[in-house]
Amino acid sequence: MARKVAGGVCALIAGIWGAALVCGQVSLGATPTRVIAAWDVVPYQVFDTPFHAGVVAFHETGCTVQFTVCSGVGEKKTEMKEASRTVRAPTLNPQTNVWEYWIPLDPKRLPDGPVEVQARCMPLGESHIATDLPPLMLYANAGRSLSFGAPVWVDCEKGDDGAGDGSETQPLRTIAAAVRKVPAGGTVYLKPGKDYSADRLGGGKSRPFWTTIAAAPGAKREDVEIGPGRPGTDKLRFFNVTLYADPPRRMYHTILAGENGSTSVWLDDCVMYNKKGRWGGGGEVFGNRYVAYVTGGMTTEMDNGPAAVLLRSHRIVKITSDAFTGARTAINCNVEDIDPGATGAHPDFHQSYVADPAQFNSVILYNCSGRRCVSQGFFGHNLRDSAFVNCLFEKHNTVMYSQYGGPLDHVLFFHLTVPNQTWLWRGGFKGNNCYVVNCLLATMRAVEGSTMDGVTVRSTHFIDQKAAHGDRATSGDPLLADAASGNYRLAPESPAFRTGEKLQCVPADIEGVPYGDTPNRGCYAHKGGTDADPFH
């Protein structure tokens, strides 16, 4: 849902923030725009220690987030006014290591049971539109009234589903038997073994919170491997394990398949890979509309990066095609080595594609990097209310472009570093309320009869001196610290050094270093006037 914000409220907020507001830019767009926002939280978690619930939110005028916390559900739902608050600017969330809008939740001040957190994301600019995120469901348990039983143990080599009782000394043999035995919210421990299966696990779709399947205490992640399957059940959290695909030939093949959008899964600090290699077998992490969350861990030797509602602090290495195309929100992630080989794939760092011209994608990429990519960077069409913030893309050994054709409606490109790839607005491009601010780009131009109408460019550096678009543009050699070794920070003598404009909703760079009042152009902040080692 979205609502227009009254001018009086915005005037008050602008007075509070002063220099943080991007002055004079409120009415640049042809129409009012909404805040682009998403939860940076995996829902359905149970917490018995302080929990920090965060939102990433972006708007060309800046924004605030109003959090409302309620206990209970339905008619018993009650607002916990002590926990509710309005957050005026992003700060570093120590739980996620993300600069975002967040509130602390103390389970000792909340009744045990369901906790609903609501977030209303409000723009600072007059007449623009607030965004209400879907309510976030969590479960407080400081009083330990929610009980999950003893862990159930599994050993795929020596266990016995018939004779075993699920204890450490008498483990079961299959994950399916353990899932049937463990209560919702419980834990299944897997002893070292390479013959576990994620297929037909059962257990129904009525779990209120996550059941965890994890490597047993003392077991290493690489010692516990789970083969592909369709679990057929809801709210499974795989923690510190390895999951693999093993297709018989190069074909579409998933590691985990969902139930057409009715089930969810959380991969936490896991490794996902294809036994045949990225060119030998293909493979996707998720299929059949699995509602997925991925935190930490790594994807490697696959066709694409994981298609997830939330992808945070995840590493993608050695893939064939698209890195972040399937992610709705990607935060603090990086991809290294995209190469299609002889597969015929046409890879992208991020692609927006829809078959129906009336459909639009809405995505957020925040603090994401791509290195050694034989691919396009930013590509596609039909984006709406999307933000690409603090992103680095490094093209490698290819003539591919970053390019958009078709409609883009309210898309933010803030603090991008794209030092060696041409950016094109292709034929058919129609921009509306698009913003390119504080970027460092090789070059940019409109081709095939298109124009840059609807694109506001400000405080951006272009390496190509003929492509100095927009207000306060700089151009020429950006004096990168060491581009040959992948260090795209700026030397203090660079024309892009500390010549950007302050963006209220982007206070820190791709590594979490504060930009300060005079930010650099590109995705790296200055560090006391000097630059450190390259980010990998």
Protein backbone atom coordinates (compact mmCIF):
# COMPACT_ATOMS: atom_id res chain seq x y z
CA MET A 1 0.00 0.00 0.00
CA ALA A 2 1.08 3.60 -0.52
CA ARG A 3 -0.17 6.95 0.68
CA LYS A 4 0.68 10.53 -0.20
CA VAL A 5 2.51 12.46 2.50
CA ALA A 6 1.19 15.84 3.50
CA GLY A 7 3.35 18.88 2.82
CA GLY A 8 3.26 20.11 6.43
CA VAL A 9 4.86 16.92 7.72
CA CYS A 10 7.53 17.06 5.06
CA ALA A 11 8.31 20.69 5.89
CA LEU A 12 8.87 19.70 9.53
CA ILE A 13 11.15 16.80 8.57
CA ALA A 14 13.09 19.02 6.15
CA GLY A 15 13.61 21.49 8.97
CA ILE A 16 15.00 18.74 11.17
CA TRP A 17 17.40 17.44 8.54
CA GLY A 18 18.62 20.67 6.96
CA ALA A 19 21.77 19.88 4.99
CA ALA A 20 20.90 16.20 4.74
CA LEU A 21 18.03 17.01 2.39
CA VAL A 22 18.85 17.15 -1.32
CA CYS A 23 17.65 20.74 -1.62
CA GLY A 24 15.82 21.96 -4.68
CA GLN A 25 15.23 18.50 -6.14
CA VAL A 26 11.85 17.65 -4.63
CA SER A 27 9.74 18.47 -7.69
CA LEU A 28 12.14 17.46 -10.48
CA GLY A 29 10.12 14.37 -11.42
CA ALA A 30 7.07 14.56 -13.62
CA THR A 31 4.94 12.73 -11.06
CA PRO A 32 5.09 11.92 -7.33
CA THR A 33 7.23 8.91 -6.47
CA ARG A 34 7.15 6.40 -3.64
CA VAL A 35 9.87 5.29 -1.25
CA ILE A 36 11.72 2.21 -2.48
CA ALA A 37 12.04 -0.10 0.52
CA ALA A 38 12.34 -3.69 1.72
CA TRP A 39 12.78 -5.63 4.94
CA ASP A 40 16.33 -6.72 5.69
CA VAL A 41 15.02 -9.44 7.98
CA VAL A 42 14.26 -13.12 7.55
CA PRO A 43 10.73 -13.46 8.99
CA TYR A 44 9.37 -16.11 11.39
CA GLN A 45 12.44 -16.07 13.63
CA VAL A 46 12.21 -16.83 17.36
CA PHE A 47 14.32 -14.57 19.56
CA ASP A 48 15.12 -14.73 23.27
CA THR A 49 17.90 -12.11 23.20
CA PRO A 50 17.75 -8.55 21.77
CA PHE A 51 16.88 -8.56 18.07
CA HIS A 52 17.41 -5.74 15.57
CA ALA A 53 14.79 -5.50 12.80
CA GLY A 54 15.93 -3.41 9.84
CA VAL A 55 14.62 -1.86 6.63
CA VAL A 56 16.59 -0.58 3.64
CA ALA A 57 14.82 2.44 2.14
CA PHE A 58 15.72 4.91 -0.59
CA HIS A 59 14.20 8.00 -2.17
CA GLU A 60 15.63 10.89 -4.15
CA THR A 61 14.55 13.30 -1.39
CA GLY A 62 15.57 11.05 1.51
CA CYS A 63 13.22 9.21 3.87
CA THR A 64 12.34 8.19 7.42
CA VAL A 65 10.80 4.95 8.68
CA GLN A 66 8.04 4.68 11.27
CA PHE A 67 8.06 1.32 13.07
CA THR A 68 5.03 0.02 14.95
CA VAL A 69 5.43 -3.07 17.16
CA CYS A 70 2.46 -5.22 18.18
CA SER A 71 2.21 -8.37 20.27
CA GLY A 72 -0.34 -11.08 19.59
CA VAL A 73 -2.43 -11.67 16.48
CA GLY A 74 -5.98 -10.98 15.35
CA GLU A 75 -8.29 -9.51 17.99
CA LYS A 76 -5.58 -9.98 20.64
CA LYS A 77 -3.04 -7.83 18.78
CA THR A 78 -1.85 -4.95 20.96
CA GLU A 79 0.55 -2.14 20.07
CA MET A 80 3.67 -2.07 22.26
CA LYS A 81 4.18 1.69 22.32
CA GLU A 82 7.47 1.49 24.21
CA ALA A 83 8.98 -0.52 21.35
CA SER A 84 7.50 1.56 18.51
CA ARG A 85 9.47 4.51 17.15
CA THR A 86 10.34 6.61 14.10
CA VAL A 87 13.88 6.28 12.77
CA ARG A 88 15.08 9.48 11.09
CA ALA A 89 18.18 8.23 9.27
CA PRO A 90 20.10 5.01 8.58
CA THR A 91 22.74 3.87 11.06
CA LEU A 92 24.84 0.71 11.25
CA ASN A 93 22.79 -2.28 12.38
CA PRO A 94 25.28 -4.44 14.34
CA GLN A 95 23.19 -7.56 13.75
CA THR A 96 23.31 -7.38 9.95
CA ASN A 97 26.35 -5.12 9.41
CA VAL A 98 24.18 -2.95 7.15
CA TRP A 99 23.57 0.80 7.30
CA GLU A 100 19.79 0.85 7.43
CA TYR A 101 16.72 1.97 9.35
CA TRP A 102 16.33 -0.38 12.33
CA ILE A 103 14.84 -0.78 15.78
CA PRO A 104 15.92 -2.96 18.72
CA LEU A 105 13.41 -5.47 20.05
CA ASP A 106 13.92 -6.58 23.64
CA PRO A 107 12.14 -9.91 24.24
CA LYS A 108 12.10 -9.22 27.99
CA ARG A 109 9.75 -6.30 27.30
CA LEU A 110 7.49 -8.32 25.03
CA PRO A 111 5.10 -11.16 25.88
CA ASP A 112 6.19 -14.56 24.61
CA GLY A 113 4.62 -15.37 21.28
CA PRO A 114 3.88 -13.55 18.01
CA VAL A 115 5.37 -10.10 17.43
CA GLU A 116 4.26 -8.11 14.39
CA VAL A 117 6.47 -5.25 13.21
CA GLN A 118 5.02 -2.72 10.78
CA ALA A 119 7.14 -0.26 8.80
CA ARG A 120 5.87 2.87 7.07
CA CYS A 121 8.60 4.42 4.90
CA MET A 122 8.02 8.15 4.38
CA PRO A 123 9.74 10.45 1.87
CA LEU A 124 11.13 13.81 2.95
CA GLY A 125 9.91 15.52 -0.21
CA GLU A 126 6.48 17.12 -0.40
CA SER A 127 3.68 15.35 -2.28
CA HIS A 128 5.63 12.14 -2.67
CA ILE A 129 4.29 8.76 -1.56
CA ALA A 130 4.88 6.69 1.57
CA THR A 131 5.32 2.94 1.31
CA ASP A 132 3.88 0.50 3.86
CA LEU A 133 5.85 -2.75 3.88
CA PRO A 134 4.09 -6.07 4.52
CA PRO A 135 4.04 -6.76 8.28
CA LEU A 136 7.03 -8.69 9.60
CA MET A 137 6.20 -11.67 11.83
CA LEU A 138 8.61 -12.70 14.60
CA TYR A 139 8.27 -14.61 17.89
CA ALA A 140 9.52 -13.41 21.28
CA ASN A 141 10.58 -16.10 23.74
CA ALA A 142 12.40 -14.55 26.69
CA GLY A 143 10.22 -16.55 29.08
CA ARG A 144 10.98 -19.77 27.16
CA SER A 145 7.30 -20.66 26.99
CA LEU A 146 7.83 -21.74 23.37
CA SER A 147 9.40 -25.19 23.59
CA PHE A 148 11.03 -27.06 20.72
CA GLY A 149 12.16 -30.34 22.28
CA ALA A 150 15.53 -32.03 22.08
CA PRO A 151 17.52 -32.03 18.82
CA VAL A 152 16.97 -35.01 16.53
CA TRP A 153 20.16 -36.62 15.22
CA VAL A 154 20.66 -38.15 11.76
CA ASP A 155 23.49 -40.23 10.30
CA CYS A 156 23.10 -41.10 6.61
CA GLU A 157 25.78 -43.80 6.86
CA LYS A 158 25.09 -45.55 10.17
CA GLY A 159 21.64 -44.38 11.25
CA ASP A 160 18.41 -46.42 11.23
CA ASP A 161 14.93 -44.95 10.70
CA GLY A 162 13.34 -48.06 12.19
CA ALA A 163 15.51 -48.84 15.19
CA GLY A 164 16.88 -45.37 15.91
CA ASP A 165 15.21 -43.01 18.38
CA GLY A 166 16.83 -39.81 17.04
CA SER A 167 19.30 -39.44 19.89
CA GLU A 168 22.99 -38.80 19.31
CA THR A 169 23.82 -42.43 20.07
CA GLN A 170 20.87 -43.91 18.11
CA PRO A 171 20.44 -41.55 15.16
CA LEU A 172 17.93 -41.81 12.35
CA ARG A 173 19.11 -42.37 8.80
CA THR A 174 17.14 -39.81 6.74
CA ILE A 175 16.23 -36.15 7.05
CA ALA A 176 12.64 -37.06 6.19
CA ALA A 177 12.32 -39.26 9.28
CA ALA A 178 13.83 -36.53 11.44
CA VAL A 179 11.50 -33.82 10.09
CA ARG A 180 8.51 -36.02 10.93
CA LYS A 181 9.80 -36.42 14.48
CA VAL A 182 11.04 -32.95 15.38
CA PRO A 183 8.50 -30.32 16.54
CA ALA A 184 8.14 -27.00 14.69
CA GLY A 185 11.03 -24.76 15.63
CA GLY A 186 13.23 -27.70 16.58
CA THR A 187 16.64 -28.71 15.28
CA VAL A 188 17.85 -31.66 13.21
CA TYR A 189 21.57 -32.42 13.51
CA LEU A 190 23.30 -34.13 10.58
CA LYS A 191 26.44 -36.14 11.27
CA PRO A 192 29.18 -36.05 8.60
CA GLY A 193 28.04 -37.75 5.41
CA LYS A 194 27.62 -37.17 1.67
CA ASP A 195 24.38 -39.07 1.03
CA TYR A 196 21.63 -36.92 2.52
CA SER A 197 18.52 -36.12 0.48
CA ALA A 198 16.24 -33.06 0.58
CA ASP A 199 13.47 -34.81 -1.36
CA ARG A 200 9.93 -35.40 -0.01
CA LEU A 201 10.69 -34.46 3.57
CA GLY A 202 7.07 -34.02 4.60
CA GLY A 203 5.99 -32.29 7.77
CA GLY A 204 3.16 -30.18 6.40
CA LYS A 205 2.78 -26.47 5.81
CA SER A 206 1.56 -25.26 9.19
CA ARG A 207 4.85 -24.46 10.95
CA PRO A 208 4.71 -20.97 12.47
CA PHE A 209 8.51 -20.70 12.69
CA TRP A 210 11.66 -22.26 11.25
CA THR A 211 12.75 -25.85 11.80
CA THR A 212 16.54 -26.00 11.47
CA ILE A 213 18.54 -28.67 9.63
CA ALA A 214 22.19 -28.18 10.53
CA ALA A 215 25.58 -29.83 10.55
CA ALA A 216 26.04 -31.52 13.92
CA PRO A 217 28.19 -29.73 16.50
CA GLY A 218 31.82 -30.20 15.53
CA ALA A 219 31.04 -31.17 11.92
CA LYS A 220 32.36 -28.94 9.14
CA ARG A 221 30.10 -27.53 6.46
CA GLU A 222 31.96 -29.37 3.70
CA ASP A 223 31.52 -32.69 5.54
CA VAL A 224 27.71 -32.62 5.32
CA GLU A 225 26.28 -32.75 1.78
CA ILE A 226 22.58 -32.79 0.88
CA GLY A 227 21.40 -33.83 -2.56
CA PRO A 228 18.66 -32.13 -4.60
CA GLY A 229 14.95 -32.55 -4.05
CA ARG A 230 11.50 -31.12 -3.52
CA PRO A 231 11.04 -30.97 0.27
CA GLY A 232 7.27 -30.49 0.05
CA THR A 233 7.09 -28.69 3.38
CA ASP A 234 7.28 -25.18 4.77
CA LYS A 235 9.76 -23.13 6.81
CA LEU A 236 12.92 -25.21 6.70
CA ARG A 237 16.16 -23.49 7.66
CA PHE A 238 19.31 -25.19 6.40
CA PHE A 239 22.30 -24.03 8.43
CA ASN A 240 26.03 -24.64 7.84
CA VAL A 241 25.60 -27.45 5.31
CA THR A 242 26.44 -28.06 1.65
CA LEU A 243 23.69 -28.56 -0.93
CA TYR A 244 24.40 -29.74 -4.46
CA ALA A 245 22.93 -30.31 -7.90
CA ASP A 246 24.04 -33.27 -9.99
CA PRO A 247 22.18 -33.14 -13.34
CA PRO A 248 22.81 -35.98 -15.80
CA ARG A 249 23.45 -33.50 -18.62
CA ARG A 250 23.33 -29.77 -19.26
CA MET A 251 19.70 -28.92 -18.54
CA TYR A 252 17.48 -26.90 -16.21
CA HIS A 253 17.96 -28.50 -12.81
CA THR A 254 17.31 -27.19 -9.30
CA ILE A 255 18.80 -28.03 -5.95
CA LEU A 256 15.61 -27.23 -4.03
CA ALA A 257 12.13 -26.95 -5.55
CA GLY A 258 9.20 -25.27 -3.84
CA GLU A 259 5.44 -25.71 -4.01
CA ASN A 260 4.39 -22.96 -6.43
CA GLY A 261 4.90 -20.14 -3.95
CA SER A 262 3.24 -21.75 -0.91
CA THR A 263 6.42 -22.79 0.94
CA SER A 264 9.49 -20.93 2.17
CA VAL A 265 13.10 -21.91 2.84
CA TRP A 266 16.08 -20.23 4.47
CA LEU A 267 19.68 -21.12 3.58
CA ASP A 268 21.91 -19.74 6.32
CA ASP A 269 25.70 -19.91 5.87
CA CYS A 270 25.42 -22.76 3.36
CA VAL A 271 27.36 -23.65 0.22
CA MET A 272 25.44 -24.50 -2.96
CA TYR A 273 27.24 -26.01 -5.94
CA ASN A 274 26.87 -28.09 -9.10
CA LYS A 275 28.88 -31.32 -9.19
CA LYS A 276 29.15 -31.16 -12.98
CA GLY A 277 30.61 -27.64 -12.91
CA ARG A 278 29.07 -24.47 -14.26
CA TRP A 279 29.45 -25.48 -17.91
CA GLY A 280 28.95 -29.22 -17.56
CA GLY A 281 25.53 -29.46 -16.00
CA GLY A 282 23.78 -26.16 -15.53
CA GLY A 283 21.69 -25.75 -12.44
CA GLU A 284 19.68 -23.34 -10.28
CA VAL A 285 19.58 -23.13 -6.50
CA PHE A 286 15.79 -22.75 -6.29
CA GLY A 287 12.88 -23.72 -8.52
CA ASN A 288 9.10 -23.88 -8.69
CA ARG A 289 8.64 -20.51 -6.99
CA TYR A 290 10.30 -21.43 -3.71
CA VAL A 291 10.04 -18.38 -1.42
CA ALA A 292 13.69 -18.24 -0.43
CA TYR A 293 15.96 -16.32 1.94
CA VAL A 294 19.75 -16.61 1.76
CA THR A 295 22.15 -15.20 4.36
CA GLY A 296 25.90 -15.74 4.29
CA GLY A 297 27.45 -18.69 2.50
CA MET A 298 28.41 -19.17 -1.13
CA THR A 299 27.01 -20.26 -4.50
CA THR A 300 29.53 -21.69 -6.96
CA GLU A 301 29.71 -23.65 -10.24
CA MET A 302 26.03 -22.89 -10.98
CA ASP A 303 24.27 -21.20 -13.88
CA ASN A 304 22.95 -18.26 -11.84
CA GLY A 305 22.96 -16.74 -8.40
CA PRO A 306 20.09 -17.67 -6.04
CA ALA A 307 16.60 -16.36 -6.79
CA ALA A 308 15.62 -15.09 -3.34
CA VAL A 309 13.35 -12.61 -1.62
CA LEU A 310 16.38 -11.55 0.42
CA LEU A 311 20.03 -12.23 -0.39
CA ARG A 312 22.43 -10.84 2.21
CA SER A 313 26.19 -11.22 2.74
CA HIS A 314 26.34 -13.95 0.10
CA ARG A 315 29.28 -14.73 -2.16
CA ILE A 316 28.75 -15.96 -5.75
CA VAL A 317 31.79 -17.51 -7.45
CA LYS A 318 32.31 -19.08 -10.90
CA ILE A 319 28.88 -18.95 -12.52
CA THR A 320 27.77 -19.11 -16.12
CA SER A 321 25.16 -16.40 -16.40
CA ASP A 322 23.23 -13.95 -14.16
CA ALA A 323 24.35 -12.99 -10.66
CA PHE A 324 21.48 -11.04 -9.08
CA THR A 325 18.67 -11.24 -11.62
CA GLY A 326 16.58 -13.55 -9.44
CA ALA A 327 17.07 -11.60 -6.21
CA ARG A 328 14.34 -9.20 -5.12
CA THR A 329 16.65 -7.57 -2.56
CA ALA A 330 20.43 -8.16 -2.48
CA ILE A 331 22.57 -6.55 0.23
CA ASN A 332 26.31 -6.80 0.95
CA CYS A 333 26.83 -9.44 -1.75
CA ASN A 334 29.53 -9.98 -4.35
CA VAL A 335 30.07 -12.04 -7.47
CA GLU A 336 33.46 -13.11 -8.77
CA ASP A 337 34.02 -14.68 -12.20
CA ILE A 338 31.02 -14.74 -14.52
CA ASP A 339 31.90 -16.60 -17.73
CA PRO A 340 29.43 -18.20 -20.17
CA GLY A 341 32.12 -20.31 -21.83
CA ALA A 342 30.65 -22.06 -24.88
CA THR A 343 27.15 -22.41 -23.39
CA GLY A 344 25.61 -19.60 -25.43
CA ALA A 345 24.43 -17.81 -22.28
CA HIS A 346 24.24 -14.01 -22.35
CA PRO A 347 25.10 -13.17 -18.74
CA ASP A 348 24.31 -10.09 -16.67
CA PHE A 349 25.29 -8.68 -13.29
CA HIS A 350 21.61 -7.75 -13.05
CA GLN A 351 18.89 -8.12 -15.67
CA SER A 352 15.29 -6.94 -15.58
CA TYR A 353 13.18 -8.86 -18.06
CA VAL A 354 9.43 -9.42 -18.35
CA ALA A 355 7.50 -11.27 -21.03
CA ASP A 356 4.38 -9.16 -20.52
CA PRO A 357 4.94 -5.47 -21.40
CA ALA A 358 2.45 -4.51 -18.67
CA GLN A 359 4.56 -6.12 -15.92
CA PHE A 360 7.37 -4.43 -14.00
CA ASN A 361 10.14 -5.62 -11.71
CA SER A 362 10.91 -3.86 -8.42
CA VAL A 363 14.35 -4.63 -6.98
CA ILE A 364 17.03 -3.32 -4.62
CA LEU A 365 20.77 -3.96 -5.01
CA TYR A 366 22.66 -2.36 -2.13
CA ASN A 367 26.40 -2.73 -1.51
CA CYS A 368 26.89 -5.34 -4.26
CA SER A 369 29.98 -5.85 -6.41
CA GLY A 370 30.93 -7.80 -9.51
CA ARG A 371 34.51 -8.57 -10.48
CA ARG A 372 36.01 -10.43 -13.46
CA CYS A 373 32.63 -10.52 -15.18
CA VAL A 374 32.37 -11.56 -18.83
CA SER A 375 28.90 -10.10 -18.86
CA GLN A 376 26.68 -7.11 -19.17
CA GLY A 377 26.37 -5.02 -16.05
CA PHE A 378 22.97 -3.36 -15.63
CA PHE A 379 20.56 -4.53 -18.32
CA GLY A 380 16.92 -4.85 -19.26
CA HIS A 381 13.63 -3.00 -19.23
CA ASN A 382 10.40 -2.59 -17.25
CA LEU A 383 11.83 -1.55 -13.91
CA ARG A 384 9.68 0.39 -11.46
CA ASP A 385 10.48 1.68 -7.96
CA SER A 386 13.94 0.11 -7.94
CA ALA A 387 17.26 1.18 -6.44
CA PHE A 388 20.86 0.30 -7.27
CA VAL A 389 23.01 1.78 -4.51
CA ASN A 390 26.75 1.45 -3.77
CA CYS A 391 27.43 -1.03 -6.56
CA LEU A 392 30.71 -1.85 -8.32
CA PHE A 393 30.80 -3.63 -11.67
CA GLU A 394 34.02 -4.63 -13.42
CA LYS A 395 33.76 -5.90 -16.99
CA HIS A 396 36.35 -8.48 -18.03
CA ASN A 397 37.44 -9.46 -21.55
CA THR A 398 34.17 -8.65 -23.32
CA VAL A 399 32.58 -5.93 -25.45
CA MET A 400 29.24 -6.23 -23.64
CA TYR A 401 27.45 -3.09 -22.42
CA SER A 402 25.30 -1.92 -19.57
CA GLN A 403 22.09 -0.98 -21.36
CA TYR A 404 18.40 -0.32 -20.87
CA GLY A 405 15.57 -0.30 -23.40
CA GLY A 406 11.86 -0.02 -22.73
CA PRO A 407 10.30 1.78 -19.76
CA LEU A 408 12.04 2.59 -16.47
CA ASP A 409 9.73 4.25 -13.96
CA HIS A 410 11.37 5.68 -10.84
CA VAL A 411 14.75 3.95 -10.75
CA LEU A 412 17.62 5.21 -8.61
CA PHE A 413 21.29 4.73 -9.51
CA PHE A 414 23.22 6.10 -6.51
CA HIS A 415 27.00 5.80 -5.98
CA LEU A 416 27.76 3.31 -8.78
CA THR A 417 31.29 2.58 -9.97
CA VAL A 418 31.32 1.17 -13.52
CA PRO A 419 34.82 2.10 -14.71
CA ASN A 420 35.24 0.08 -17.89
CA GLN A 421 31.86 -0.55 -19.51
CA THR A 422 29.78 1.68 -21.79
CA TRP A 423 26.28 2.60 -20.53
CA LEU A 424 23.60 2.86 -23.24
CA TRP A 425 19.99 3.99 -23.30
CA ARG A 426 18.76 1.89 -26.24
CA GLY A 427 15.93 2.33 -28.71
CA GLY A 428 12.56 2.14 -27.01
CA PHE A 429 13.90 3.45 -23.71
CA LYS A 430 11.35 5.58 -21.87
CA GLY A 431 12.55 7.11 -18.63
CA ASN A 432 10.41 8.63 -15.91
CA ASN A 433 11.78 9.87 -12.59
CA CYS A 434 15.13 8.11 -13.02
CA TYR A 435 18.13 9.46 -11.10
CA VAL A 436 21.87 8.95 -11.66
CA VAL A 437 23.63 10.61 -8.71
CA ASN A 438 27.19 10.42 -7.34
CA CYS A 439 28.28 7.79 -9.85
CA LEU A 440 31.62 7.09 -11.52
CA LEU A 441 31.01 5.81 -15.05
CA ALA A 442 33.14 5.15 -18.13
CA THR A 443 30.66 6.79 -20.50
CA MET A 444 26.93 7.13 -21.16
CA ARG A 445 24.92 7.88 -24.27
CA ALA A 446 21.51 7.47 -25.89
CA VAL A 447 21.41 5.49 -29.15
CA GLU A 448 18.97 4.16 -31.75
CA GLY A 449 16.79 7.26 -31.61
CA SER A 450 16.30 7.21 -27.84
CA THR A 451 16.85 10.19 -25.54
CA MET A 452 17.76 10.71 -21.91
CA ASP A 453 14.46 12.43 -21.21
CA GLY A 454 13.23 11.45 -17.77
CA VAL A 455 16.76 10.80 -16.47
CA THR A 456 18.22 13.30 -13.98
CA VAL A 457 22.02 13.10 -13.81
CA ARG A 458 23.83 14.91 -11.00
CA SER A 459 27.29 14.96 -9.44
CA THR A 460 28.55 12.14 -11.65
CA HIS A 461 32.04 11.62 -13.06
CA PHE A 462 32.51 10.36 -16.63
CA ILE A 463 35.88 9.02 -17.74
CA ASP A 464 34.89 9.89 -21.32
CA GLN A 465 35.20 13.68 -21.49
CA LYS A 466 32.56 13.82 -24.25
CA ALA A 467 29.93 12.28 -21.99
CA ALA A 468 29.81 14.77 -19.12
CA HIS A 469 26.05 14.74 -18.57
CA GLY A 470 23.96 16.59 -16.02
CA ASP A 471 24.55 19.07 -13.23
CA ARG A 472 27.96 19.33 -11.57
CA ALA A 473 29.51 16.76 -13.92
CA THR A 474 33.22 16.04 -13.89
CA SER A 475 35.16 14.13 -16.55
CA GLY A 476 38.51 12.73 -17.55
CA ASP A 477 40.97 10.51 -15.72
CA PRO A 478 39.41 9.71 -12.31
CA LEU A 479 42.86 8.95 -10.84
CA LEU A 480 41.91 5.57 -9.49
CA ALA A 481 44.21 4.20 -6.81
CA ASP A 482 45.20 1.08 -8.77
CA ALA A 483 42.68 0.00 -11.40
CA ALA A 484 45.00 -2.69 -12.76
CA SER A 485 44.78 -4.57 -9.47
CA GLY A 486 41.09 -3.87 -8.93
CA ASN A 487 41.41 -0.95 -6.52
CA TYR A 488 38.81 1.54 -7.74
CA ARG A 489 39.17 3.97 -4.86
CA LEU A 490 40.02 7.55 -5.67
CA ALA A 491 43.32 9.32 -5.19
CA PRO A 492 42.89 12.57 -3.24
CA GLU A 493 43.76 14.51 -6.41
CA SER A 494 40.85 12.96 -8.34
CA PRO A 495 38.19 15.35 -9.67
CA ALA A 496 35.65 12.88 -8.22
CA PHE A 497 37.21 12.97 -4.73
CA ARG A 498 34.84 14.55 -2.19
CA THR A 499 32.85 16.33 -4.92
CA GLY A 500 29.60 14.37 -4.60
CA GLU A 501 26.43 15.50 -2.88
CA LYS A 502 25.18 14.21 0.44
CA LEU A 503 22.32 11.71 0.14
CA GLN A 504 20.36 11.37 3.37
CA CYS A 505 19.47 7.71 2.80
CA VAL A 506 23.02 6.65 1.76
CA PRO A 507 25.33 7.63 4.63
CA ALA A 508 28.06 5.01 4.03
CA ASP A 509 29.85 3.30 1.16
CA ILE A 510 29.96 -0.26 -0.18
CA GLU A 511 32.16 -1.32 2.76
CA GLY A 512 30.24 0.56 5.43
CA VAL A 513 32.67 3.49 5.63
CA PRO A 514 30.76 6.75 6.23
CA TYR A 515 30.72 9.15 3.28
CA GLY A 516 30.64 12.24 5.48
CA ASP A 517 29.31 15.62 4.39
CA THR A 518 31.39 15.69 1.19
CA PRO A 519 31.14 12.20 -0.32
CA ASN A 520 33.17 10.81 -3.16
CA ARG A 521 31.60 9.98 -6.48
CA GLY A 522 31.45 6.24 -7.00
CA CYS A 523 30.94 3.54 -4.38
CA TYR A 524 34.00 4.16 -2.16
CA ALA A 525 34.24 6.79 0.56
CA HIS A 526 37.45 8.62 1.36
CA LYS A 527 39.25 7.37 4.46
CA GLY A 528 40.87 10.40 6.00
CA GLY A 529 42.19 11.38 2.57
CA THR A 530 43.87 8.03 1.92
CA ASP A 531 42.79 4.77 0.34
CA ALA A 532 43.20 1.26 1.72
CA ASP A 533 43.58 -2.14 0.10
CA PRO A 534 41.07 -3.20 -2.61
CA PHE A 535 37.82 -4.81 -1.56
CA HIS A 536 37.51 -8.50 -2.46
